[in-house]
Amino acid sequence: MSSQTVVLKVGMSCQGCVGAVNRVLGKMEGVESFDIDLKEQKVTVKGNVQPEEVLQTVSKTGKKTSFWEGEAPIAPAEPEIKPSETATVASAEPENKPAETATVPSAEPENKPSETTTTA
């Protein structure tokens, strides 16, 4: 097996989390080196390792662990949430309002002219 690099996204919130990941990777066979980035929640492992084994080993810490997807670390996380939120809010409001305003004016003018004609 040749040396390879495995990049994981690990839900770490403090130095304690980093320490836990550090411990399990330090004991793992075949690991040559690893880098833990708390801010990016990114763990890069180099060595004669299987990606699946590295994922399972880090998962043992109890942290949410998954393979890192995409090349740009920050880009996938933020835009995913914001456009979908704004899209739902924006599309929900205009749909309701025109419908309301359309029904209210058409209901009243129909009744009033008929009332005026009966009184006259």
PDB file of N, CA and C in Angstrom:
ATOM      1  N   MET A   1       0.850  -1.174   0.000  1.00  0.00           N
ATOM      2  CA  MET A   1       0.000   0.000   0.000  1.00  0.00           C
ATOM      3  C   MET A   1       0.900   1.244   0.000  1.00  0.00           C
ATOM      4  N   SER A   2       0.588   2.181  -0.901  1.00  0.00           N
ATOM      5  CA  SER A   2       1.422   3.381  -0.977  1.00  0.00           C
ATOM      6  C   SER A   2       0.880   4.472  -0.069  1.00  0.00           C
ATOM      7  N   SER A   3       1.721   5.455   0.197  1.00  0.00           N
ATOM      8  CA  SER A   3       1.333   6.560   1.066  1.00  0.00           C
ATOM      9  C   SER A   3       0.271   7.415   0.383  1.00  0.00           C
ATOM     10  N   GLN A   4      -0.734   7.808   1.132  1.00  0.00           N
ATOM     11  CA  GLN A   4      -1.770   8.666   0.567  1.00  0.00           C
ATOM     12  C   GLN A   4      -2.260   9.657   1.611  1.00  0.00           C
ATOM     13  N   THR A   5      -3.035  10.623   1.143  1.00  0.00           N
ATOM     14  CA  THR A   5      -3.552  11.653   2.041  1.00  0.00           C
ATOM     15  C   THR A   5      -5.058  11.515   2.150  1.00  0.00           C
ATOM     16  N   VAL A   6      -5.563  11.519   3.374  1.00  0.00           N
ATOM     17  CA  VAL A   6      -6.998  11.441   3.622  1.00  0.00           C
ATOM     18  C   VAL A   6      -7.400  12.726   4.328  1.00  0.00           C
ATOM     19  N   VAL A   7      -8.423  13.399   3.788  1.00  0.00           N
ATOM     20  CA  VAL A   7      -8.879  14.648   4.400  1.00  0.00           C
ATOM     21  C   VAL A   7     -10.292  14.436   4.936  1.00  0.00           C
ATOM     22  N   LEU A   8     -10.464  14.758   6.214  1.00  0.00           N
ATOM     23  CA  LEU A   8     -11.757  14.566   6.868  1.00  0.00           C
ATOM     24  C   LEU A   8     -12.292  15.879   7.420  1.00  0.00           C
ATOM     25  N   LYS A   9     -13.631  15.964   7.491  1.00  0.00           N
ATOM     26  CA  LYS A   9     -14.265  17.095   8.166  1.00  0.00           C
ATOM     27  C   LYS A   9     -14.711  16.531   9.510  1.00  0.00           C
ATOM     28  N   VAL A  10     -14.202  17.136  10.586  1.00  0.00           N
ATOM     29  CA  VAL A  10     -14.497  16.621  11.927  1.00  0.00           C
ATOM     30  C   VAL A  10     -15.086  17.740  12.765  1.00  0.00           C
ATOM     31  N   GLY A  11     -16.238  17.494  13.376  1.00  0.00           N
ATOM     32  CA  GLY A  11     -16.916  18.506  14.190  1.00  0.00           C
ATOM     33  C   GLY A  11     -16.201  18.720  15.512  1.00  0.00           C
ATOM     34  N   MET A  12     -15.175  19.569  15.502  1.00  0.00           N
ATOM     35  CA  MET A  12     -14.399  19.850  16.720  1.00  0.00           C
ATOM     36  C   MET A  12     -14.702  21.282  17.165  1.00  0.00           C
ATOM     37  N   SER A  13     -14.972  21.455  18.468  1.00  0.00           N
ATOM     38  CA  SER A  13     -15.309  22.803  18.933  1.00  0.00           C
ATOM     39  C   SER A  13     -14.266  23.397  19.876  1.00  0.00           C
ATOM     40  N   CYS A  14     -13.322  22.573  20.351  1.00  0.00           N
ATOM     41  CA  CYS A  14     -12.337  23.114  21.301  1.00  0.00           C
ATOM     42  C   CYS A  14     -11.037  22.316  21.247  1.00  0.00           C
ATOM     43  N   GLN A  15     -10.049  22.758  22.032  1.00  0.00           N
ATOM     44  CA  GLN A  15      -8.759  22.061  22.069  1.00  0.00           C
ATOM     45  C   GLN A  15      -8.914  20.628  22.571  1.00  0.00           C
ATOM     46  N   GLY A  16      -9.896  20.390  23.424  1.00  0.00           N
ATOM     47  CA  GLY A  16     -10.133  19.032  23.929  1.00  0.00           C
ATOM     48  C   GLY A  16     -10.479  18.074  22.798  1.00  0.00           C
ATOM     49  N   CYS A  17     -11.304  18.593  21.850  1.00  0.00           N
ATOM     50  CA  CYS A  17     -11.683  17.784  20.687  1.00  0.00           C
ATOM     51  C   CYS A  17     -10.438  17.471  19.858  1.00  0.00           C
ATOM     52  N   VAL A  18      -9.611  18.494  19.677  1.00  0.00           N
ATOM     53  CA  VAL A  18      -8.375  18.330  18.906  1.00  0.00           C
ATOM     54  C   VAL A  18      -7.508  17.264  19.583  1.00  0.00           C
ATOM     55  N   GLY A  19      -7.431  17.328  20.907  1.00  0.00           N
ATOM     56  CA  GLY A  19      -6.637  16.367  21.665  1.00  0.00           C
ATOM     57  C   GLY A  19      -7.123  14.938  21.474  1.00  0.00           C
ATOM     58  N   ALA A  20      -8.456  14.759  21.446  1.00  0.00           N
ATOM     59  CA  ALA A  20      -9.028  13.418  21.276  1.00  0.00           C
ATOM     60  C   ALA A  20      -8.675  12.856  19.899  1.00  0.00           C
ATOM     61  N   VAL A  21      -8.810  13.701  18.865  1.00  0.00           N
ATOM     62  CA  VAL A  21      -8.487  13.273  17.505  1.00  0.00           C
ATOM     63  C   VAL A  21      -6.986  12.980  17.407  1.00  0.00           C
ATOM     64  N   ASN A  22      -6.204  13.849  18.029  1.00  0.00           N
ATOM     65  CA  ASN A  22      -4.756  13.706  18.068  1.00  0.00           C
ATOM     66  C   ASN A  22      -4.359  12.341  18.656  1.00  0.00           C
ATOM     67  N   ARG A  23      -5.007  11.971  19.763  1.00  0.00           N
ATOM     68  CA  ARG A  23      -4.702  10.701  20.443  1.00  0.00           C
ATOM     69  C   ARG A  23      -4.979   9.500  19.552  1.00  0.00           C
ATOM     70  N   VAL A  24      -6.189   9.453  18.942  1.00  0.00           N
ATOM     71  CA  VAL A  24      -6.529   8.259  18.151  1.00  0.00           C
ATOM     72  C   VAL A  24      -5.647   8.146  16.908  1.00  0.00           C
ATOM     73  N   LEU A  25      -5.314   9.290  16.299  1.00  0.00           N
ATOM     74  CA  LEU A  25      -4.466   9.229  15.093  1.00  0.00           C
ATOM     75  C   LEU A  25      -3.031   8.871  15.460  1.00  0.00           C
ATOM     76  N   GLY A  26      -2.592   9.305  16.642  1.00  0.00           N
ATOM     77  CA  GLY A  26      -1.244   8.993  17.098  1.00  0.00           C
ATOM     78  C   GLY A  26      -1.047   7.505  17.307  1.00  0.00           C
ATOM     79  N   LYS A  27      -2.122   6.792  17.670  1.00  0.00           N
ATOM     80  CA  LYS A  27      -2.041   5.351  17.907  1.00  0.00           C
ATOM     81  C   LYS A  27      -2.276   4.544  16.634  1.00  0.00           C
ATOM     82  N   MET A  28      -2.852   5.173  15.602  1.00  0.00           N
ATOM     83  CA  MET A  28      -3.235   4.426  14.404  1.00  0.00           C
ATOM     84  C   MET A  28      -2.018   3.965  13.607  1.00  0.00           C
ATOM     85  N   GLU A  29      -2.082   2.705  13.165  1.00  0.00           N
ATOM     86  CA  GLU A  29      -0.981   2.134  12.400  1.00  0.00           C
ATOM     87  C   GLU A  29      -0.934   2.702  10.991  1.00  0.00           C
ATOM     88  N   GLY A  30       0.280   2.943  10.482  1.00  0.00           N
ATOM     89  CA  GLY A  30       0.443   3.407   9.110  1.00  0.00           C
ATOM     90  C   GLY A  30       0.412   4.929   8.949  1.00  0.00           C
ATOM     91  N   VAL A  31       0.024   5.647  10.014  1.00  0.00           N
ATOM     92  CA  VAL A  31      -0.040   7.104   9.927  1.00  0.00           C
ATOM     93  C   VAL A  31       1.371   7.677  10.006  1.00  0.00           C
ATOM     94  N   GLU A  32       1.765   8.438   8.984  1.00  0.00           N
ATOM     95  CA  GLU A  32       3.086   9.076   8.978  1.00  0.00           C
ATOM     96  C   GLU A  32       3.001  10.453   9.632  1.00  0.00           C
ATOM     97  N   SER A  33       1.981  11.211   9.242  1.00  0.00           N
ATOM     98  CA  SER A  33       1.803  12.547   9.825  1.00  0.00           C
ATOM     99  C   SER A  33       0.344  12.953   9.693  1.00  0.00           C
ATOM    100  N   PHE A  34      -0.075  13.908  10.512  1.00  0.00           N
ATOM    101  CA  PHE A  34      -1.436  14.425  10.392  1.00  0.00           C
ATOM    102  C   PHE A  34      -1.475  15.863  10.856  1.00  0.00           C
ATOM    103  N   ASP A  35      -2.454  16.582  10.331  1.00  0.00           N
ATOM    104  CA  ASP A  35      -2.606  17.994  10.655  1.00  0.00           C
ATOM    105  C   ASP A  35      -4.053  18.212  11.066  1.00  0.00           C
ATOM    106  N   ILE A  36      -4.253  18.849  12.215  1.00  0.00           N
ATOM    107  CA  ILE A  36      -5.608  19.100  12.706  1.00  0.00           C
ATOM    108  C   ILE A  36      -5.835  20.605  12.718  1.00  0.00           C
ATOM    109  N   ASP A  37      -6.841  21.055  11.957  1.00  0.00           N
ATOM    110  CA  ASP A  37      -7.167  22.477  11.888  1.00  0.00           C
ATOM    111  C   ASP A  37      -8.513  22.689  12.561  1.00  0.00           C
ATOM    112  N   LEU A  38      -8.474  23.228  13.791  1.00  0.00           N
ATOM    113  CA  LEU A  38      -9.700  23.414  14.571  1.00  0.00           C
ATOM    114  C   LEU A  38     -10.633  24.413  13.901  1.00  0.00           C
ATOM    115  N   LYS A  39     -10.073  25.529  13.405  1.00  0.00           N
ATOM    116  CA  LYS A  39     -10.898  26.578  12.808  1.00  0.00           C
ATOM    117  C   LYS A  39     -11.666  26.059  11.589  1.00  0.00           C
ATOM    118  N   GLU A  40     -10.978  25.299  10.736  1.00  0.00           N
ATOM    119  CA  GLU A  40     -11.602  24.779   9.509  1.00  0.00           C
ATOM    120  C   GLU A  40     -12.348  23.465   9.780  1.00  0.00           C
ATOM    121  N   GLN A  41     -12.139  22.883  10.976  1.00  0.00           N
ATOM    122  CA  GLN A  41     -12.683  21.567  11.345  1.00  0.00           C
ATOM    123  C   GLN A  41     -12.220  20.525  10.317  1.00  0.00           C
ATOM    124  N   LYS A  42     -10.927  20.620   9.999  1.00  0.00           N
ATOM    125  CA  LYS A  42     -10.347  19.790   8.944  1.00  0.00           C
ATOM    126  C   LYS A  42      -9.194  18.962   9.507  1.00  0.00           C
ATOM    127  N   VAL A  43      -9.195  17.678   9.209  1.00  0.00           N
ATOM    128  CA  VAL A  43      -8.115  16.794   9.649  1.00  0.00           C
ATOM    129  C   VAL A  43      -7.507  16.154   8.404  1.00  0.00           C
ATOM    130  N   THR A  44      -6.200  16.368   8.216  1.00  0.00           N
ATOM    131  CA  THR A  44      -5.499  15.812   7.064  1.00  0.00           C
ATOM    132  C   THR A  44      -4.526  14.757   7.578  1.00  0.00           C
ATOM    133  N   VAL A  45      -4.671  13.532   7.075  1.00  0.00           N
ATOM    134  CA  VAL A  45      -3.832  12.427   7.532  1.00  0.00           C
ATOM    135  C   VAL A  45      -3.021  11.895   6.354  1.00  0.00           C
ATOM    136  N   LYS A  46      -1.705  11.756   6.569  1.00  0.00           N
ATOM    137  CA  LYS A  46      -0.840  11.201   5.517  1.00  0.00           C
ATOM    138  C   LYS A  46      -0.245   9.895   6.031  1.00  0.00           C
ATOM    139  N   GLY A  47      -0.159   8.909   5.134  1.00  0.00           N
ATOM    140  CA  GLY A  47       0.467   7.654   5.531  1.00  0.00           C
ATOM    141  C   GLY A  47      -0.049   6.493   4.727  1.00  0.00           C
ATOM    142  N   ASN A  48       0.390   5.288   5.124  1.00  0.00           N
ATOM    143  CA  ASN A  48      -0.073   4.065   4.470  1.00  0.00           C
ATOM    144  C   ASN A  48      -1.368   3.643   5.145  1.00  0.00           C
ATOM    145  N   VAL A  49      -2.439   4.360   4.791  1.00  0.00           N
ATOM    146  CA  VAL A  49      -3.719   4.147   5.466  1.00  0.00           C
ATOM    147  C   VAL A  49      -4.852   4.029   4.456  1.00  0.00           C
ATOM    148  N   GLN A  50      -5.923   3.361   4.902  1.00  0.00           N
ATOM    149  CA  GLN A  50      -7.140   3.265   4.097  1.00  0.00           C
ATOM    150  C   GLN A  50      -8.063   4.403   4.534  1.00  0.00           C
ATOM    151  N   PRO A  51      -8.615   5.188   3.583  1.00  0.00           N
ATOM    152  CA  PRO A  51      -9.502   6.296   3.965  1.00  0.00           C
ATOM    153  C   PRO A  51     -10.622   5.866   4.918  1.00  0.00           C
ATOM    154  N   GLU A  52     -11.227   4.704   4.640  1.00  0.00           N
ATOM    155  CA  GLU A  52     -12.333   4.217   5.470  1.00  0.00           C
ATOM    156  C   GLU A  52     -11.875   3.946   6.905  1.00  0.00           C
ATOM    157  N   GLU A  53     -10.668   3.390   7.056  1.00  0.00           N
ATOM    158  CA  GLU A  53     -10.137   3.106   8.406  1.00  0.00           C
ATOM    159  C   GLU A  53      -9.879   4.393   9.173  1.00  0.00           C
ATOM    160  N   VAL A  54      -9.330   5.396   8.469  1.00  0.00           N
ATOM    161  CA  VAL A  54      -9.052   6.684   9.114  1.00  0.00           C
ATOM    162  C   VAL A  54     -10.374   7.298   9.581  1.00  0.00           C
ATOM    163  N   LEU A  55     -11.391   7.249   8.720  1.00  0.00           N
ATOM    164  CA  LEU A  55     -12.709   7.800   9.055  1.00  0.00           C
ATOM    165  C   LEU A  55     -13.263   7.120  10.306  1.00  0.00           C
ATOM    166  N   GLN A  56     -13.185   5.787  10.341  1.00  0.00           N
ATOM    167  CA  GLN A  56     -13.722   5.048  11.489  1.00  0.00           C
ATOM    168  C   GLN A  56     -12.929   5.316  12.761  1.00  0.00           C
ATOM    169  N   THR A  57     -11.617   5.420  12.624  1.00  0.00           N
ATOM    170  CA  THR A  57     -10.771   5.688  13.794  1.00  0.00           C
ATOM    171  C   THR A  57     -11.127   7.049  14.399  1.00  0.00           C
ATOM    172  N   VAL A  58     -11.240   8.068  13.558  1.00  0.00           N
ATOM    173  CA  VAL A  58     -11.564   9.406  14.064  1.00  0.00           C
ATOM    174  C   VAL A  58     -12.996   9.435  14.610  1.00  0.00           C
ATOM    175  N   SER A  59     -13.897   8.667  13.994  1.00  0.00           N
ATOM    176  CA  SER A  59     -15.289   8.606  14.477  1.00  0.00           C
ATOM    177  C   SER A  59     -15.375   8.079  15.904  1.00  0.00           C
ATOM    178  N   LYS A  60     -14.402   7.252  16.300  1.00  0.00           N
ATOM    179  CA  LYS A  60     -14.397   6.682  17.657  1.00  0.00           C
ATOM    180  C   LYS A  60     -14.310   7.769  18.726  1.00  0.00           C
ATOM    181  N   THR A  61     -13.872   8.973  18.341  1.00  0.00           N
ATOM    182  CA  THR A  61     -13.779  10.054  19.328  1.00  0.00           C
ATOM    183  C   THR A  61     -15.175  10.572  19.682  1.00  0.00           C
ATOM    184  N   GLY A  62     -16.182  10.165  18.900  1.00  0.00           N
ATOM    185  CA  GLY A  62     -17.545  10.633  19.151  1.00  0.00           C
ATOM    186  C   GLY A  62     -17.846  11.931  18.408  1.00  0.00           C
ATOM    187  N   LYS A  63     -16.883  12.411  17.649  1.00  0.00           N
ATOM    188  CA  LYS A  63     -17.089  13.652  16.876  1.00  0.00           C
ATOM    189  C   LYS A  63     -17.758  13.304  15.550  1.00  0.00           C
ATOM    190  N   LYS A  64     -18.536  14.240  15.022  1.00  0.00           N
ATOM    191  CA  LYS A  64     -19.183  14.046  13.723  1.00  0.00           C
ATOM    192  C   LYS A  64     -18.080  14.074  12.670  1.00  0.00           C
ATOM    193  N   THR A  65     -17.878  12.950  11.991  1.00  0.00           N
ATOM    194  CA  THR A  65     -16.769  12.827  11.049  1.00  0.00           C
ATOM    195  C   THR A  65     -17.274  12.424   9.672  1.00  0.00           C
ATOM    196  N   SER A  66     -16.768  13.096   8.634  1.00  0.00           N
ATOM    197  CA  SER A  66     -17.114  12.711   7.269  1.00  0.00           C
ATOM    198  C   SER A  66     -15.936  13.038   6.359  1.00  0.00           C
ATOM    199  N   PHE A  67     -15.947  12.468   5.154  1.00  0.00           N
ATOM    200  CA  PHE A  67     -14.880  12.785   4.204  1.00  0.00           C
ATOM    201  C   PHE A  67     -15.066  14.228   3.756  1.00  0.00           C
ATOM    202  N   TRP A  68     -13.944  14.916   3.563  1.00  0.00           N
ATOM    203  CA  TRP A  68     -13.987  16.314   3.136  1.00  0.00           C
ATOM    204  C   TRP A  68     -14.431  16.342   1.675  1.00  0.00           C
ATOM    205  N   GLU A  69     -15.467  17.120   1.365  1.00  0.00           N
ATOM    206  CA  GLU A  69     -15.944  17.182  -0.020  1.00  0.00           C
ATOM    207  C   GLU A  69     -15.598  18.519  -0.631  1.00  0.00           C
ATOM    208  N   GLY A  70     -15.217  18.504  -1.890  1.00  0.00           N
ATOM    209  CA  GLY A  70     -14.902  19.742  -2.605  1.00  0.00           C
ATOM    210  C   GLY A  70     -13.522  20.256  -2.249  1.00  0.00           C
ATOM    211  N   GLU A  71     -12.966  21.076  -3.125  1.00  0.00           N
ATOM    212  CA  GLU A  71     -11.615  21.575  -2.901  1.00  0.00           C
ATOM    213  C   GLU A  71     -11.626  22.806  -1.998  1.00  0.00           C
ATOM    214  N   ALA A  72     -12.621  23.681  -2.157  1.00  0.00           N
ATOM    215  CA  ALA A  72     -12.656  24.913  -1.372  1.00  0.00           C
ATOM    216  C   ALA A  72     -13.276  24.601  -0.018  1.00  0.00           C
ATOM    217  N   PRO A  73     -12.475  24.661   1.058  1.00  0.00           N
ATOM    218  CA  PRO A  73     -12.983  24.269   2.370  1.00  0.00           C
ATOM    219  C   PRO A  73     -14.137  25.119   2.889  1.00  0.00           C
ATOM    220  N   ILE A  74     -14.072  26.445   2.738  1.00  0.00           N
ATOM    221  CA  ILE A  74     -15.105  27.284   3.342  1.00  0.00           C
ATOM    222  C   ILE A  74     -16.330  27.417   2.443  1.00  0.00           C
ATOM    223  N   ALA A  75     -16.128  27.516   1.140  1.00  0.00           N
ATOM    224  CA  ALA A  75     -17.224  27.767   0.208  1.00  0.00           C
ATOM    225  C   ALA A  75     -18.429  26.834   0.369  1.00  0.00           C
ATOM    226  N   PRO A  76     -18.290  25.506   0.414  1.00  0.00           N
ATOM    227  CA  PRO A  76     -19.490  24.668   0.455  1.00  0.00           C
ATOM    228  C   PRO A  76     -20.344  24.873   1.702  1.00  0.00           C
ATOM    229  N   ALA A  77     -19.744  25.193   2.818  1.00  0.00           N
ATOM    230  CA  ALA A  77     -20.517  25.273   4.058  1.00  0.00           C
ATOM    231  C   ALA A  77     -21.482  26.451   4.095  1.00  0.00           C
ATOM    232  N   GLU A  78     -21.001  27.671   3.790  1.00  0.00           N
ATOM    233  CA  GLU A  78     -21.868  28.836   3.939  1.00  0.00           C
ATOM    234  C   GLU A  78     -22.933  28.985   2.856  1.00  0.00           C
ATOM    235  N   PRO A  79     -22.597  29.095   1.581  1.00  0.00           N
ATOM    236  CA  PRO A  79     -23.635  29.352   0.579  1.00  0.00           C
ATOM    237  C   PRO A  79     -24.757  28.326   0.568  1.00  0.00           C
ATOM    238  N   GLU A  80     -24.491  27.093   0.978  1.00  0.00           N
ATOM    239  CA  GLU A  80     -25.534  26.081   0.975  1.00  0.00           C
ATOM    240  C   GLU A  80     -26.743  26.513   1.790  1.00  0.00           C
ATOM    241  N   ILE A  81     -26.515  27.063   2.957  1.00  0.00           N
ATOM    242  CA  ILE A  81     -27.610  27.427   3.847  1.00  0.00           C
ATOM    243  C   ILE A  81     -28.311  28.697   3.396  1.00  0.00           C
ATOM    244  N   LYS A  82     -27.546  29.756   3.144  1.00  0.00           N
ATOM    245  CA  LYS A  82     -28.152  31.055   2.861  1.00  0.00           C
ATOM    246  C   LYS A  82     -29.058  31.098   1.633  1.00  0.00           C
ATOM    247  N   PRO A  83     -28.625  30.668   0.443  1.00  0.00           N
ATOM    248  CA  PRO A  83     -29.539  30.804  -0.705  1.00  0.00           C
ATOM    249  C   PRO A  83     -30.852  30.066  -0.504  1.00  0.00           C
ATOM    250  N   SER A  84     -30.820  28.885   0.075  1.00  0.00           N
ATOM    251  CA  SER A  84     -32.066  28.146   0.240  1.00  0.00           C
ATOM    252  C   SER A  84     -33.003  28.873   1.204  1.00  0.00           C
ATOM    253  N   GLU A  85     -32.458  29.476   2.270  1.00  0.00           N
ATOM    254  CA  GLU A  85     -33.300  30.216   3.205  1.00  0.00           C
ATOM    255  C   GLU A  85     -33.942  31.411   2.512  1.00  0.00           C
ATOM    256  N   THR A  86     -33.128  32.222   1.867  1.00  0.00           N
ATOM    257  CA  THR A  86     -33.663  33.424   1.235  1.00  0.00           C
ATOM    258  C   THR A  86     -34.614  33.048   0.110  1.00  0.00           C
ATOM    259  N   ALA A  87     -34.336  31.964  -0.577  1.00  0.00           N
ATOM    260  CA  ALA A  87     -35.212  31.561  -1.668  1.00  0.00           C
ATOM    261  C   ALA A  87     -36.595  31.204  -1.130  1.00  0.00           C
ATOM    262  N   THR A  88     -36.661  30.465  -0.034  1.00  0.00           N
ATOM    263  CA  THR A  88     -37.953  30.080   0.505  1.00  0.00           C
ATOM    264  C   THR A  88     -38.718  31.280   1.009  1.00  0.00           C
ATOM    265  N   VAL A  89     -38.050  32.157   1.732  1.00  0.00           N
ATOM    266  CA  VAL A  89     -38.725  33.329   2.274  1.00  0.00           C
ATOM    267  C   VAL A  89     -39.227  34.200   1.138  1.00  0.00           C
ATOM    268  N   ALA A  90     -38.377  34.485   0.163  1.00  0.00           N
ATOM    269  CA  ALA A  90     -38.747  35.364  -0.947  1.00  0.00           C
ATOM    270  C   ALA A  90     -39.906  34.776  -1.745  1.00  0.00           C
ATOM    271  N   SER A  91     -39.855  33.494  -2.058  1.00  0.00           N
ATOM    272  CA  SER A  91     -40.910  32.921  -2.883  1.00  0.00           C
ATOM    273  C   SER A  91     -42.210  32.752  -2.097  1.00  0.00           C
ATOM    274  N   ALA A  92     -42.126  32.577  -0.786  1.00  0.00           N
ATOM    275  CA  ALA A  92     -43.341  32.380   0.007  1.00  0.00           C
ATOM    276  C   ALA A  92     -44.150  33.659   0.094  1.00  0.00           C
ATOM    277  N   GLU A  93     -43.488  34.796   0.335  1.00  0.00           N
ATOM    278  CA  GLU A  93     -44.246  36.034   0.510  1.00  0.00           C
ATOM    279  C   GLU A  93     -44.935  36.520  -0.759  1.00  0.00           C
ATOM    280  N   PRO A  94     -44.218  36.790  -1.840  1.00  0.00           N
ATOM    281  CA  PRO A  94     -44.914  37.324  -3.016  1.00  0.00           C
ATOM    282  C   PRO A  94     -46.058  36.438  -3.489  1.00  0.00           C
ATOM    283  N   GLU A  95     -45.955  35.131  -3.313  1.00  0.00           N
ATOM    284  CA  GLU A  95     -47.036  34.247  -3.747  1.00  0.00           C
ATOM    285  C   GLU A  95     -48.314  34.524  -2.964  1.00  0.00           C
ATOM    286  N   ASN A  96     -48.207  34.694  -1.657  1.00  0.00           N
ATOM    287  CA  ASN A  96     -49.394  34.920  -0.838  1.00  0.00           C
ATOM    288  C   ASN A  96     -49.985  36.310  -1.031  1.00  0.00           C
ATOM    289  N   LYS A  97     -49.151  37.344  -1.003  1.00  0.00           N
ATOM    290  CA  LYS A  97     -49.674  38.709  -1.050  1.00  0.00           C
ATOM    291  C   LYS A  97     -50.475  39.019  -2.311  1.00  0.00           C
ATOM    292  N   PRO A  98     -49.963  38.764  -3.516  1.00  0.00           N
ATOM    293  CA  PRO A  98     -50.794  39.115  -4.686  1.00  0.00           C
ATOM    294  C   PRO A  98     -52.123  38.375  -4.655  1.00  0.00           C
ATOM    295  N   ALA A  99     -52.132  37.153  -4.196  1.00  0.00           N
ATOM    296  CA  ALA A  99     -53.374  36.400  -4.153  1.00  0.00           C
ATOM    297  C   ALA A  99     -54.367  37.066  -3.215  1.00  0.00           C
ATOM    298  N   GLU A 100     -53.892  37.514  -2.032  1.00  0.00           N
ATOM    299  CA  GLU A 100     -54.779  38.176  -1.073  1.00  0.00           C
ATOM    300  C   GLU A 100     -55.350  39.451  -1.670  1.00  0.00           C
ATOM    301  N   THR A 101     -54.472  40.311  -2.202  1.00  0.00           N
ATOM    302  CA  THR A 101     -54.945  41.591  -2.718  1.00  0.00           C
ATOM    303  C   THR A 101     -55.876  41.372  -3.897  1.00  0.00           C
ATOM    304  N   ALA A 102     -55.670  40.322  -4.655  1.00  0.00           N
ATOM    305  CA  ALA A 102     -56.539  40.071  -5.798  1.00  0.00           C
ATOM    306  C   ALA A 102     -57.932  39.678  -5.336  1.00  0.00           C
ATOM    307  N   THR A 103     -58.041  38.842  -4.309  1.00  0.00           N
ATOM    308  CA  THR A 103     -59.348  38.383  -3.868  1.00  0.00           C
ATOM    309  C   THR A 103     -60.129  39.482  -3.179  1.00  0.00           C
ATOM    310  N   VAL A 104     -59.499  40.266  -2.311  1.00  0.00           N
ATOM    311  CA  VAL A 104     -60.220  41.290  -1.543  1.00  0.00           C
ATOM    312  C   VAL A 104     -60.873  42.328  -2.465  1.00  0.00           C
ATOM    313  N   PRO A 105     -60.136  43.014  -3.370  1.00  0.00           N
ATOM    314  CA  PRO A 105     -60.806  44.035  -4.188  1.00  0.00           C
ATOM    315  C   PRO A 105     -61.904  43.459  -5.085  1.00  0.00           C
ATOM    316  N   SER A 106     -61.711  42.258  -5.631  1.00  0.00           N
ATOM    317  CA  SER A 106     -62.734  41.735  -6.536  1.00  0.00           C
ATOM    318  C   SER A 106     -64.007  41.359  -5.788  1.00  0.00           C
ATOM    319  N   ALA A 107     -63.915  41.007  -4.518  1.00  0.00           N
ATOM    320  CA  ALA A 107     -65.106  40.628  -3.761  1.00  0.00           C
ATOM    321  C   ALA A 107     -65.953  41.852  -3.416  1.00  0.00           C
ATOM    322  N   GLU A 108     -65.320  42.969  -3.014  1.00  0.00           N
ATOM    323  CA  GLU A 108     -66.086  44.141  -2.604  1.00  0.00           C
ATOM    324  C   GLU A 108     -66.779  44.877  -3.742  1.00  0.00           C
ATOM    325  N   PRO A 109     -66.073  45.297  -4.792  1.00  0.00           N
ATOM    326  CA  PRO A 109     -66.769  46.069  -5.835  1.00  0.00           C
ATOM    327  C   PRO A 109     -68.000  45.352  -6.396  1.00  0.00           C
ATOM    328  N   GLU A 110     -67.990  44.007  -6.404  1.00  0.00           N
ATOM    329  CA  GLU A 110     -69.157  43.282  -6.926  1.00  0.00           C
ATOM    330  C   GLU A 110     -70.387  43.534  -6.055  1.00  0.00           C
ATOM    331  N   ASN A 111     -70.213  43.553  -4.727  1.00  0.00           N
ATOM    332  CA  ASN A 111     -71.353  43.749  -3.826  1.00  0.00           C
ATOM    333  C   ASN A 111     -71.856  45.183  -3.814  1.00  0.00           C
ATOM    334  N   LYS A 112     -70.926  46.147  -3.734  1.00  0.00           N
ATOM    335  CA  LYS A 112     -71.344  47.545  -3.586  1.00  0.00           C
ATOM    336  C   LYS A 112     -72.192  48.060  -4.751  1.00  0.00           C
ATOM    337  N   PRO A 113     -71.783  47.866  -6.005  1.00  0.00           N
ATOM    338  CA  PRO A 113     -72.655  48.415  -7.069  1.00  0.00           C
ATOM    339  C   PRO A 113     -74.054  47.821  -7.022  1.00  0.00           C
ATOM    340  N   SER A 114     -74.188  46.540  -6.712  1.00  0.00           N
ATOM    341  CA  SER A 114     -75.519  45.947  -6.656  1.00  0.00           C
ATOM    342  C   SER A 114     -76.357  46.553  -5.534  1.00  0.00           C
ATOM    343  N   GLU A 115     -75.700  46.889  -4.373  1.00  0.00           N
ATOM    344  CA  GLU A 115     -76.420  47.527  -3.258  1.00  0.00           C
ATOM    345  C   GLU A 115     -76.928  48.904  -3.696  1.00  0.00           C
ATOM    346  N   THR A 116     -76.041  49.660  -4.362  1.00  0.00           N
ATOM    347  CA  THR A 116     -76.423  51.017  -4.768  1.00  0.00           C
ATOM    348  C   THR A 116     -77.581  50.958  -5.759  1.00  0.00           C
ATOM    349  N   THR A 117     -77.572  49.950  -6.630  1.00  0.00           N
ATOM    350  CA  THR A 117     -78.663  49.890  -7.597  1.00  0.00           C
ATOM    351  C   THR A 117     -79.968  49.541  -6.907  1.00  0.00           C
ATOM    352  N   THR A 118     -79.950  48.700  -5.873  1.00  0.00           N
ATOM    353  CA  THR A 118     -81.200  48.350  -5.182  1.00  0.00           C
ATOM    354  C   THR A 118     -81.763  49.548  -4.443  1.00  0.00           C
ATOM    355  N   THR A 119     -80.877  50.350  -3.770  1.00  0.00           N
ATOM    356  CA  THR A 119     -81.387  51.507  -3.030  1.00  0.00           C
ATOM    357  C   THR A 119     -81.947  52.555  -3.972  1.00  0.00           C
ATOM    358  N   ALA A 120     -81.376  52.727  -5.149  1.00  0.00           N
ATOM    359  CA  ALA A 120     -81.862  53.761  -6.063  1.00  0.00           C
ATOM    360  C   ALA A 120     -83.079  53.306  -6.796  1.00  0.00           C
TER     361      ALA A 120
END
